[in-house]
Amino acid sequence: MNTFAHLLEDVVRSPNPRALWGSAAARFCAAILPLLLASCGGGGGSGGGGAPAVGVGIEPSAQFAGALESAAPGAGALASDWVGATCTDGMQKNWVRSRLYENYLFYRDAPLTSIDPNTYTNTVNNLFLDYTVRGVPAKDRFSFVRTQAEADALFQSGTATNVGFTLKRDANNGSIYRIAYVEPNGPAVAAGFARGMVLATINGVATSTSIPTALSDKLYNSAAGTSSLIGVQDVVGGPVRTLTVASATYATSPLIVDRVLPDATTGYLAFNSFSTPVGEIQLADAFKRFAAAGVTDLVVDLRYNGGGFIDIASQLGYMVAGQAQSSGKIFESLIFNDKRSAANVSIAFNSTVTRLFGNNARAGEPLSALNLRRISVLTTGSTCSASESFINALQGIDIDVLLVGSATCGKPYGFIQANNCALAFFGIEFEGRNNKGSVTPLTGVPATCAATDDFDHALGDPAERMLATAVTYRLAGVCPALAAATSGTRSLHAAGAQNSSAVNADVEFMTDPLNSIKLYRPAR
């Protein structure tokens, strides 16, 4: 099946997709923005693990779906876009239950019959979570809700609203928070922030090892223009100086750095997200440069990559493996619930540029491929979803993948964005399997060779610990001894996260589930 056969601009217009693969009423199935996504979920609420849902008294979701005032492009992100009479609290709650009964991978385990939407007094968002991450905690750590506006900003425009730097724990220095990278178009660049700085204080409050939710919200979940005073140390243990930064809306840049290493044959690529349209163009151009330079070995740095469009992940897989090794092979098979087995689909290794938002002018352009039989991938607990699909897919066609770092986050599941009444719902809908039928373990893909992040060197610097370990391991065939202890690493789930539990103890700082995703676009 060709997953690139339609424009996302058309897909995003549908506010209320029914069961994608069932017979949907025409007014509810004009188009769909499908998104595979895995993320951290949240706790609390009135739900519990209920008996298997049998569907007694659960009507079709189309009966409760909201109706748009207009089908104009972009409609649906605002409450005013919807017909108020179709978006009452009761209708939205019934829609949530019906939608999950039709599409949720774990619908048999969810408390869909024991929690009645007609008597439920909490919010629509909480009902969704009580049916999913709080209702099936043994299976679902990932389902979540966001506004459609937030989801569309990332997946269509590639924009984010925050301070523009990402924080990670430094396992080698007491798990203090350090700046892992700074977005090139974000406000933190102009304010003077750089990789490796220690986050010492926020508005005078010590934050090197713990960040209060309210202060985290100021950095990552506040309106543009919200200002903070940040105390930083340029080196661990150094003097604290104060920088001022205000959150802003900016275009994200998934490609952090690409370069050919000094040996002139090894390419290095640090890619932060598969979620934004510009990312596929950046990858396509980077591999053009690698091919022109005669690269014969490759290190793909996904240590901070939470996932994104599976379309783009499949392109990266093709550009690594090439036509001969990937032709006729499955990048990832998507397996839906037992009521939707007809929807199961196999995604190919895609060899051309897609028609993601803004990329129409280059749609269909052939991608450059390196035809490699072995690569190194740098991973951490922040390597999630579509990033894990990339790793699993290459292993499924017998590419030798050397994982250097630590275990990935463990998210084999995917989502389809369902918009209703200005909200975007992401409930687990399928499991991904590679060409051999293998699934990413819930405990993550283990590293072949252990290494820890090195915040004292720039990404792409041959002396940076994870990159240096990968190169040494590839050349010598022996994993170097781990240079620094990794004990003491703790995870922090900031304000955007809905569930602080995680199987992988090395899951990194997450500010929003949208940062850790797998996105799929079914053919129309």
Protein backbone atom coordinates (compact mmCIF):
# COMPACT_ATOMS: atom_id res chain seq x y z
CA MET A 1 0.00 0.00 0.00
CA ASN A 2 1.29 3.45 -0.85
CA THR A 3 1.10 5.51 2.33
CA PHE A 4 2.09 8.68 0.48
CA ALA A 5 -0.83 8.73 -1.94
CA HIS A 6 -2.62 11.72 -0.45
CA LEU A 7 -1.91 15.18 0.86
CA LEU A 8 -1.80 15.70 4.61
CA GLU A 9 -3.42 19.06 3.92
CA ASP A 10 -6.54 17.16 2.95
CA VAL A 11 -6.19 14.59 5.68
CA VAL A 12 -6.08 17.06 8.54
CA ARG A 13 -9.45 18.58 7.75
CA SER A 14 -11.52 15.80 9.23
CA PRO A 15 -12.51 16.54 12.84
CA ASN A 16 -14.15 13.25 13.62
CA PRO A 17 -12.76 10.10 12.01
CA ARG A 18 -14.82 6.99 12.75
CA ALA A 19 -13.34 3.58 12.57
CA LEU A 20 -10.97 4.25 9.72
CA TRP A 21 -11.59 0.94 8.11
CA GLY A 22 -15.33 0.58 8.70
CA SER A 23 -18.22 2.09 6.81
CA ALA A 24 -18.25 5.71 7.98
CA ALA A 25 -20.94 8.27 7.46
CA ALA A 26 -19.74 10.59 4.73
CA ARG A 27 -19.93 13.76 6.76
CA PHE A 28 -17.63 12.28 9.40
CA CYS A 29 -14.99 10.71 7.15
CA ALA A 30 -14.00 13.44 4.70
CA ALA A 31 -10.33 13.15 5.72
CA ILE A 32 -8.04 12.08 8.54
CA LEU A 33 -4.73 13.15 10.00
CA PRO A 34 -3.41 9.84 11.25
CA LEU A 35 -0.64 9.83 13.76
CA LEU A 36 1.28 7.02 15.31
CA LEU A 37 2.29 8.16 18.67
CA ALA A 38 3.72 6.87 21.91
CA SER A 39 4.18 8.92 25.01
CA CYS A 40 4.09 9.12 28.76
CA GLY A 41 0.57 9.22 30.28
CA GLY A 42 -0.78 10.37 33.67
CA GLY A 43 -2.29 9.27 36.93
CA GLY A 44 -5.31 9.96 39.08
CA GLY A 45 -8.99 9.99 38.23
CA SER A 46 -11.89 7.63 38.84
CA GLY A 47 -10.98 4.79 36.50
CA GLY A 48 -9.66 1.34 37.23
CA GLY A 49 -8.91 -1.86 35.40
CA GLY A 50 -12.41 -3.09 34.51
CA ALA A 51 -13.82 -6.24 32.98
CA PRO A 52 -13.42 -6.75 29.23
CA ALA A 53 -15.61 -4.38 27.28
CA VAL A 54 -18.34 -6.23 25.43
CA GLY A 55 -19.95 -3.21 23.83
CA VAL A 56 -23.32 -3.51 25.57
CA GLY A 57 -25.10 -0.19 25.13
CA ILE A 58 -22.20 1.43 23.27
CA GLU A 59 -23.50 3.17 20.16
CA PRO A 60 -21.44 4.02 17.03
CA SER A 61 -19.13 7.01 17.49
CA ALA A 62 -20.65 8.73 14.45
CA GLN A 63 -23.82 9.17 16.46
CA PHE A 64 -22.01 11.48 18.90
CA ALA A 65 -19.35 13.10 16.70
CA GLY A 66 -19.06 16.87 16.56
CA ALA A 67 -19.90 18.68 13.34
CA LEU A 68 -17.80 21.45 11.81
CA GLU A 69 -19.26 24.83 10.95
CA SER A 70 -16.98 24.94 7.90
CA ALA A 71 -14.78 22.50 6.03
CA ALA A 72 -12.26 25.21 5.13
CA PRO A 73 -8.56 24.28 5.50
CA GLY A 74 -7.48 24.39 9.13
CA ALA A 75 -11.01 24.22 10.50
CA GLY A 76 -11.45 22.31 13.73
CA ALA A 77 -8.67 23.71 15.88
CA LEU A 78 -10.94 26.23 17.63
CA ALA A 79 -14.13 25.65 19.59
CA SER A 80 -15.82 28.23 17.38
CA ASP A 81 -15.17 25.97 14.37
CA TRP A 82 -17.66 23.45 15.70
CA VAL A 83 -21.46 23.35 15.91
CA GLY A 84 -22.08 23.86 19.61
CA ALA A 85 -25.12 21.60 19.74
CA THR A 86 -22.97 18.67 18.59
CA CYS A 87 -20.22 19.34 21.13
CA THR A 88 -22.08 19.17 24.42
CA ASP A 89 -20.27 17.57 27.34
CA GLY A 90 -22.45 14.48 27.14
CA MET A 91 -21.97 13.99 23.41
CA GLN A 92 -18.20 14.40 23.67
CA LYS A 93 -17.96 11.85 26.48
CA ASN A 94 -20.08 9.32 24.63
CA TRP A 95 -17.98 9.89 21.51
CA VAL A 96 -14.81 9.14 23.47
CA ARG A 97 -16.16 5.83 24.73
CA SER A 98 -17.54 4.79 21.35
CA ARG A 99 -14.39 5.78 19.51
CA LEU A 100 -12.26 3.72 21.90
CA TYR A 101 -14.60 0.74 21.65
CA GLU A 102 -14.22 0.82 17.88
CA ASN A 103 -10.51 1.54 17.60
CA TYR A 104 -8.57 1.08 20.85
CA LEU A 105 -6.11 -1.82 20.66
CA PHE A 106 -6.94 -2.83 24.24
CA TYR A 107 -10.69 -2.23 24.07
CA ARG A 108 -11.40 -5.62 25.68
CA ASP A 109 -9.43 -4.64 28.79
CA ALA A 110 -10.63 -1.03 29.09
CA PRO A 111 -13.40 -0.14 31.59
CA LEU A 112 -15.70 1.04 28.81
CA THR A 113 -18.82 -0.49 30.35
CA SER A 114 -17.97 0.07 34.01
CA ILE A 115 -17.43 3.83 33.62
CA ASP A 116 -20.62 5.40 32.30
CA PRO A 117 -19.98 8.59 30.30
CA ASN A 118 -23.51 9.79 31.09
CA THR A 119 -22.84 9.93 34.84
CA TYR A 120 -19.12 10.75 34.71
CA THR A 121 -18.57 14.16 36.32
CA ASN A 122 -14.94 14.87 35.48
CA THR A 123 -13.70 16.34 32.19
CA VAL A 124 -13.70 14.74 28.74
CA ASN A 125 -9.90 14.59 28.89
CA ASN A 126 -9.97 12.72 32.19
CA LEU A 127 -12.59 10.27 30.94
CA PHE A 128 -10.33 9.40 28.02
CA LEU A 129 -7.42 8.80 30.41
CA ASP A 130 -9.59 6.77 32.79
CA TYR A 131 -10.46 4.49 29.90
CA THR A 132 -6.85 4.21 28.67
CA VAL A 133 -3.67 4.83 30.70
CA ARG A 134 -5.51 4.78 34.01
CA GLY A 135 -7.93 2.05 32.98
CA VAL A 136 -5.38 -0.32 31.44
CA PRO A 137 -2.16 0.63 33.27
CA ALA A 138 -0.51 -2.75 32.72
CA LYS A 139 -0.64 -2.26 28.94
CA ASP A 140 -0.98 1.44 28.16
CA ARG A 141 1.54 4.05 29.32
CA PHE A 142 1.13 6.14 26.22
CA SER A 143 -2.37 7.35 25.27
CA PHE A 144 -3.03 11.07 25.73
CA VAL A 145 -5.11 14.11 24.77
CA ARG A 146 -4.05 17.51 23.47
CA THR A 147 -5.80 20.37 21.77
CA GLN A 148 -6.02 20.02 18.01
CA ALA A 149 -4.23 23.35 17.71
CA GLU A 150 -1.21 22.01 19.61
CA ALA A 151 -1.06 18.83 17.55
CA ASP A 152 -1.51 20.61 14.23
CA ALA A 153 1.19 23.17 15.05
CA LEU A 154 3.77 20.40 15.32
CA PHE A 155 2.64 17.95 12.68
CA GLN A 156 1.68 20.45 9.98
CA SER A 157 3.81 23.51 10.57
CA GLY A 158 6.65 22.05 12.60
CA THR A 159 6.34 24.80 15.19
CA ALA A 160 6.72 24.70 18.94
CA THR A 161 6.11 27.24 21.70
CA ASN A 162 8.68 27.12 24.50
CA VAL A 163 12.11 28.46 25.45
CA GLY A 164 13.91 26.43 22.81
CA PHE A 165 16.30 24.22 24.75
CA THR A 166 16.03 20.59 25.82
CA LEU A 167 17.17 19.29 29.19
CA LYS A 168 18.59 15.86 30.01
CA ARG A 169 19.95 14.21 33.13
CA ASP A 170 23.73 13.90 33.36
CA ALA A 171 24.29 10.38 34.71
CA ASN A 172 27.97 11.10 35.26
CA ASN A 173 27.41 14.09 37.53
CA GLY A 174 24.76 13.17 40.07
CA SER A 175 21.91 13.28 37.52
CA ILE A 176 21.94 17.07 37.37
CA TYR A 177 20.03 18.78 34.56
CA ARG A 178 22.09 19.98 31.64
CA ILE A 179 21.14 21.53 28.35
CA ALA A 180 21.37 18.79 25.73
CA TYR A 181 20.78 20.96 22.68
CA VAL A 182 19.43 24.34 21.71
CA GLU A 183 16.95 24.79 18.85
CA PRO A 184 18.64 26.95 16.16
CA ASN A 185 15.46 28.98 15.56
CA GLY A 186 14.33 29.22 19.17
CA PRO A 187 14.67 32.06 21.68
CA ALA A 188 17.36 30.33 23.77
CA VAL A 189 19.98 30.82 21.03
CA ALA A 190 19.76 34.60 21.12
CA ALA A 191 19.67 34.50 24.93
CA GLY A 192 23.07 32.79 25.04
CA PHE A 193 22.23 29.22 26.02
CA ALA A 194 24.42 26.35 24.80
CA ARG A 195 24.80 22.58 25.07
CA GLY A 196 26.39 21.44 28.31
CA MET A 197 25.22 24.28 30.57
CA VAL A 198 23.93 23.19 33.99
CA LEU A 199 20.42 24.43 34.82
CA ALA A 200 21.21 25.82 38.28
CA THR A 201 18.16 28.00 39.03
CA ILE A 202 14.86 29.24 37.60
CA ASN A 203 13.66 32.54 39.02
CA GLY A 204 15.94 32.04 42.00
CA VAL A 205 14.80 28.48 42.79
CA ALA A 206 17.47 25.77 42.73
CA THR A 207 16.72 23.38 39.86
CA SER A 208 19.90 21.44 39.16
CA THR A 209 18.34 18.13 40.29
CA SER A 210 14.61 18.88 40.61
CA ILE A 211 12.30 21.26 38.79
CA PRO A 212 8.95 22.23 40.32
CA THR A 213 6.03 21.77 37.95
CA ALA A 214 5.13 25.45 37.93
CA LEU A 215 8.63 26.41 36.79
CA SER A 216 8.73 23.65 34.20
CA ASP A 217 5.43 24.97 32.88
CA LYS A 218 6.95 28.41 32.46
CA LEU A 219 9.64 26.96 30.22
CA TYR A 220 7.62 24.48 28.19
CA ASN A 221 3.88 24.99 28.62
CA SER A 222 3.28 28.72 28.74
CA ALA A 223 2.14 31.36 26.29
CA ALA A 224 4.67 33.01 24.02
CA GLY A 225 6.32 35.93 25.79
CA THR A 226 6.46 34.29 29.24
CA SER A 227 9.83 35.29 30.64
CA SER A 228 12.13 33.43 33.05
CA LEU A 229 15.44 34.20 34.74
CA ILE A 230 17.68 31.15 34.34
CA GLY A 231 20.82 30.60 36.39
CA VAL A 232 23.34 28.49 34.51
CA GLN A 233 26.81 27.09 35.06
CA ASP A 234 28.93 26.94 31.93
CA VAL A 235 30.75 23.94 33.41
CA VAL A 236 29.82 21.59 36.23
CA GLY A 237 30.71 23.26 39.53
CA GLY A 238 31.41 26.62 37.91
CA PRO A 239 30.01 30.00 38.95
CA VAL A 240 26.32 30.67 38.31
CA ARG A 241 25.38 33.45 35.93
CA THR A 242 21.87 34.55 35.00
CA LEU A 243 20.31 34.62 31.52
CA THR A 244 16.87 35.90 30.61
CA VAL A 245 14.72 34.01 28.11
CA ALA A 246 11.08 34.25 27.08
CA SER A 247 9.10 31.44 25.47
CA ALA A 248 8.27 31.97 21.80
CA THR A 249 6.72 30.19 18.84
CA TYR A 250 9.40 29.08 16.38
CA ALA A 251 10.06 26.60 13.59
CA THR A 252 11.79 23.50 14.89
CA SER A 253 14.78 21.99 13.07
CA PRO A 254 15.00 18.19 13.47
CA LEU A 255 18.45 17.91 11.90
CA ILE A 256 20.93 18.95 14.57
CA VAL A 257 24.12 18.26 12.62
CA ASP A 258 25.36 16.16 9.71
CA ARG A 259 29.01 15.81 8.79
CA VAL A 260 31.65 13.50 7.41
CA LEU A 261 34.10 12.53 10.16
CA PRO A 262 37.86 13.10 9.77
CA ASP A 263 38.41 9.58 8.39
CA ALA A 264 36.58 10.87 5.27
CA THR A 265 34.44 7.72 4.98
CA THR A 266 32.15 7.83 8.03
CA GLY A 267 29.05 9.97 8.02
CA TYR A 268 27.48 11.26 11.24
CA LEU A 269 23.88 12.40 11.50
CA ALA A 270 22.15 13.73 14.63
CA PHE A 271 18.42 13.77 13.97
CA ASN A 272 16.08 14.93 16.69
CA SER A 273 12.54 14.19 15.45
CA PHE A 274 10.58 12.54 12.65
CA SER A 275 7.57 14.73 13.46
CA THR A 276 7.92 17.78 11.26
CA PRO A 277 7.64 18.15 7.48
CA VAL A 278 10.97 19.96 7.10
CA GLY A 279 12.69 16.94 8.59
CA GLU A 280 12.23 14.76 5.52
CA ILE A 281 13.79 17.42 3.29
CA GLN A 282 16.69 17.86 5.71
CA LEU A 283 17.30 14.10 5.70
CA ALA A 284 17.05 13.87 1.92
CA ASP A 285 19.61 16.63 1.47
CA ALA A 286 21.95 15.21 4.11
CA PHE A 287 22.07 11.85 2.34
CA LYS A 288 22.75 13.59 -0.95
CA ARG A 289 25.82 15.08 0.70
CA PHE A 290 26.83 11.73 2.19
CA ALA A 291 26.49 9.97 -1.17
CA ALA A 292 28.50 12.66 -2.94
CA ALA A 293 31.24 12.37 -0.31
CA GLY A 294 31.51 8.61 -0.76
CA VAL A 295 30.40 7.70 2.78
CA THR A 296 30.75 3.96 3.44
CA ASP A 297 30.02 3.89 7.19
CA LEU A 298 27.34 5.74 9.12
CA VAL A 299 26.54 6.74 12.69
CA VAL A 300 22.89 7.78 13.16
CA ASP A 301 22.45 9.69 16.41
CA LEU A 302 18.89 9.21 17.69
CA ARG A 303 19.68 9.74 21.37
CA TYR A 304 17.07 12.52 21.66
CA ASN A 305 14.65 11.39 18.93
CA GLY A 306 11.20 10.66 20.32
CA GLY A 307 9.77 9.55 16.97
CA GLY A 308 7.30 11.04 14.50
CA PHE A 309 6.01 10.26 11.02
CA ILE A 310 6.62 6.62 10.18
CA ASP A 311 6.75 7.79 6.54
CA ILE A 312 9.96 9.69 7.29
CA ALA A 313 11.40 6.87 9.38
CA SER A 314 10.83 4.52 6.44
CA GLN A 315 12.66 6.96 4.17
CA LEU A 316 15.65 6.98 6.52
CA GLY A 317 15.59 3.19 6.46
CA TYR A 318 15.65 3.21 2.65
CA MET A 319 18.48 5.76 2.49
CA VAL A 320 20.58 3.51 4.74
CA ALA A 321 19.77 0.17 3.11
CA GLY A 322 19.14 1.07 -0.52
CA GLN A 323 16.92 -0.53 -3.15
CA ALA A 324 18.51 -3.98 -3.38
CA GLN A 325 18.22 -4.71 0.34
CA SER A 326 14.80 -3.15 0.92
CA SER A 327 12.85 -3.92 -2.27
CA GLY A 328 9.79 -6.02 -1.52
CA LYS A 329 10.55 -5.93 2.22
CA ILE A 330 8.32 -4.60 4.98
CA PHE A 331 9.44 -1.59 6.96
CA GLU A 332 6.67 -2.08 9.50
CA SER A 333 3.38 -3.99 9.61
CA LEU A 334 0.62 -2.36 11.63
CA ILE A 335 -1.65 -4.77 13.50
CA PHE A 336 -4.98 -3.35 14.70
CA ASN A 337 -7.51 -4.83 17.16
CA ASP A 338 -9.38 -8.01 16.32
CA LYS A 339 -12.42 -6.09 15.01
CA ARG A 340 -10.22 -4.23 12.53
CA SER A 341 -8.00 -6.96 11.14
CA ALA A 342 -8.96 -5.85 7.63
CA ALA A 343 -7.14 -2.61 8.40
CA ASN A 344 -3.79 -4.33 9.02
CA VAL A 345 -1.29 -2.83 6.62
CA SER A 346 2.37 -3.23 5.70
CA ILE A 347 4.48 -0.10 5.25
CA ALA A 348 7.29 -0.30 2.68
CA PHE A 349 10.72 1.28 2.76
CA ASN A 350 9.89 4.47 0.87
CA SER A 351 12.34 5.71 -1.75
CA THR A 352 10.93 9.15 -2.60
CA VAL A 353 10.07 12.47 -0.98
CA THR A 354 6.45 12.60 0.22
CA ARG A 355 3.84 15.32 0.05
CA LEU A 356 4.04 16.41 3.67
CA PHE A 357 3.01 19.99 4.35
CA GLY A 358 5.18 22.39 2.38
CA ASN A 359 7.07 19.64 0.54
CA ASN A 360 4.85 19.37 -2.56
CA ALA A 361 7.44 20.93 -4.86
CA ARG A 362 9.79 18.00 -4.21
CA ALA A 363 7.21 15.22 -3.89
CA GLY A 364 8.30 12.11 -5.76
CA GLU A 365 11.96 13.09 -5.83
CA PRO A 366 14.15 9.95 -5.56
CA LEU A 367 16.14 9.65 -2.35
CA SER A 368 19.88 9.00 -2.26
CA ALA A 369 20.89 5.69 -0.67
CA LEU A 370 24.18 4.49 0.82
CA ASN A 371 23.46 0.75 0.44
CA LEU A 372 25.01 -0.09 3.80
CA ARG A 373 24.99 -3.50 5.45
CA ARG A 374 26.01 -2.15 8.86
CA ILE A 375 25.36 1.06 10.78
CA SER A 376 25.80 2.39 14.30
CA VAL A 377 22.87 4.03 16.10
CA LEU A 378 23.28 6.13 19.26
CA THR A 379 20.37 5.56 21.66
CA THR A 380 19.05 6.52 25.08
CA GLY A 381 15.75 6.21 26.92
CA SER A 382 14.59 9.16 24.81
CA THR A 383 14.89 7.09 21.60
CA CYS A 384 11.23 6.22 21.06
CA SER A 385 8.46 5.06 18.74
CA ALA A 386 9.29 5.80 15.10
CA SER A 387 12.99 5.81 16.03
CA GLU A 388 12.57 2.29 17.39
CA SER A 389 10.66 1.37 14.22
CA PHE A 390 13.70 2.46 12.20
CA ILE A 391 16.00 0.24 14.26
CA ASN A 392 13.60 -2.71 14.26
CA ALA A 393 12.96 -2.39 10.52
CA LEU A 394 16.67 -2.53 9.62
CA GLN A 395 17.16 -5.53 11.87
CA GLY A 396 14.21 -7.12 10.08
CA ILE A 397 16.08 -7.04 6.75
CA ASP A 398 19.36 -8.23 8.28
CA ILE A 399 21.18 -4.93 8.43
CA ASP A 400 23.75 -5.14 11.24
CA VAL A 401 22.66 -2.43 13.67
CA LEU A 402 25.16 -1.63 16.44
CA LEU A 403 23.33 0.20 19.23
CA VAL A 404 25.61 2.37 21.34
CA GLY A 405 24.35 4.08 24.49
CA SER A 406 21.49 2.69 26.58
CA ALA A 407 18.19 0.90 26.02
CA THR A 408 15.51 2.70 24.01
CA CYS A 409 12.20 3.67 25.60
CA GLY A 410 10.10 0.66 24.54
CA LYS A 411 7.08 1.84 22.52
CA PRO A 412 5.90 -0.68 19.95
CA TYR A 413 2.45 0.87 19.62
CA GLY A 414 0.96 3.52 17.37
CA PHE A 415 -1.85 6.02 17.24
CA ILE A 416 -4.19 7.73 14.83
CA GLN A 417 -5.09 11.29 15.69
CA ALA A 418 -8.85 11.61 16.14
CA ASN A 419 -10.12 15.20 16.24
CA ASN A 420 -13.41 16.05 17.90
CA CYS A 421 -14.67 19.39 19.21
CA ALA A 422 -11.22 21.09 19.09
CA LEU A 423 -9.49 18.24 20.94
CA ALA A 424 -7.07 15.69 19.48
CA PHE A 425 -7.26 12.21 20.99
CA PHE A 426 -4.43 9.70 20.77
CA GLY A 427 -5.43 6.23 21.92
CA ILE A 428 -3.22 3.24 21.09
CA GLU A 429 -4.60 1.65 17.93
CA PHE A 430 -2.00 -0.82 16.71
CA GLU A 431 1.24 -2.68 17.26
CA GLY A 432 4.18 -2.44 14.84
CA ARG A 433 6.13 -5.47 13.57
CA ASN A 434 9.14 -5.67 11.29
CA ASN A 435 9.73 -7.80 8.19
CA LYS A 436 10.38 -10.84 10.40
CA GLY A 437 7.36 -10.22 12.60
CA SER A 438 9.42 -8.96 15.55
CA VAL A 439 8.14 -6.28 17.91
CA THR A 440 10.09 -3.65 19.85
CA PRO A 441 10.26 -4.88 23.48
CA LEU A 442 8.32 -2.90 26.07
CA THR A 443 11.58 -2.73 28.03
CA GLY A 444 13.26 -1.09 25.04
CA VAL A 445 15.82 -2.27 22.54
CA PRO A 446 18.99 -3.01 24.56
CA ALA A 447 22.24 -1.32 23.64
CA THR A 448 24.91 -3.47 22.00
CA CYS A 449 27.61 -1.35 23.65
CA ALA A 450 26.99 0.85 26.69
CA ALA A 451 27.96 4.53 26.69
CA THR A 452 26.72 7.67 28.42
CA ASP A 453 25.94 11.10 27.07
CA ASP A 454 28.83 13.56 27.10
CA PHE A 455 27.57 17.10 27.58
CA ASP A 456 31.09 18.53 27.60
CA HIS A 457 31.46 18.01 23.85
CA ALA A 458 29.34 19.15 20.92
CA LEU A 459 27.25 16.63 19.04
CA GLY A 460 29.31 15.42 16.10
CA ASP A 461 32.64 16.08 17.82
CA PRO A 462 34.70 12.87 17.33
CA ALA A 463 35.75 13.18 20.98
CA GLU A 464 32.14 13.11 22.26
CA ARG A 465 31.84 9.95 24.34
CA MET A 466 28.95 8.19 22.59
CA LEU A 467 30.23 8.94 19.10
CA ALA A 468 33.82 7.99 20.01
CA THR A 469 32.57 4.72 21.52
CA ALA A 470 30.61 3.91 18.36
CA VAL A 471 33.59 4.52 16.10
CA THR A 472 35.95 2.51 18.32
CA TYR A 473 33.47 -0.35 18.60
CA ARG A 474 32.97 -0.46 14.83
CA LEU A 475 36.70 -0.42 14.04
CA ALA A 476 37.92 -2.75 16.80
CA GLY A 477 34.92 -5.02 17.03
CA VAL A 478 35.14 -4.82 20.81
CA CYS A 479 33.01 -2.60 23.01
CA PRO A 480 35.20 -0.29 25.12
CA ALA A 481 34.78 -0.40 28.87
CA LEU A 482 32.20 2.09 30.08
CA ALA A 483 34.19 5.13 31.11
CA ALA A 484 31.77 6.54 33.65
CA ALA A 485 29.25 5.10 36.08
CA THR A 486 25.60 5.32 35.13
CA SER A 487 24.10 4.79 38.55
CA GLY A 488 21.94 7.49 40.00
CA THR A 489 20.13 8.35 36.78
CA ARG A 490 16.55 9.30 37.55
CA SER A 491 13.71 10.27 35.26
CA LEU A 492 11.61 13.40 35.54
CA HIS A 493 8.28 13.77 33.81
CA ALA A 494 7.40 17.43 33.61
CA ALA A 495 4.05 19.12 33.34
CA GLY A 496 3.05 17.76 29.95
CA ALA A 497 3.46 14.14 31.00
CA GLN A 498 0.41 12.25 32.21
CA ASN A 499 1.98 9.17 33.72
CA SER A 500 5.17 9.25 35.76
CA SER A 501 5.69 5.48 35.63
CA ALA A 502 8.01 3.97 33.04
CA VAL A 503 9.42 0.51 32.46
CA ASN A 504 12.71 1.97 31.29
CA ALA A 505 14.30 3.80 34.20
CA ASP A 506 16.43 5.85 31.82
CA VAL A 507 13.48 7.58 30.13
CA GLU A 508 14.56 11.17 29.84
CA PHE A 509 13.01 14.53 30.58
CA MET A 510 9.73 14.82 28.68
CA THR A 511 7.76 18.04 28.56
CA ASP A 512 4.88 16.88 26.38
CA PRO A 513 3.66 13.57 24.89
CA LEU A 514 3.77 15.20 21.46
CA ASN A 515 7.56 15.01 21.74
CA SER A 516 7.53 11.21 21.77
CA ILE A 517 5.49 9.93 18.86
CA LYS A 518 4.94 7.62 15.91
CA LEU A 519 2.74 8.96 13.13
CA TYR A 520 1.00 7.01 10.37
CA ARG A 521 -1.07 8.26 7.42
CA PRO A 522 -3.43 5.63 5.99
CA ALA A 523 -4.10 5.78 2.26
CA ARG A 524 -7.50 7.22 1.41
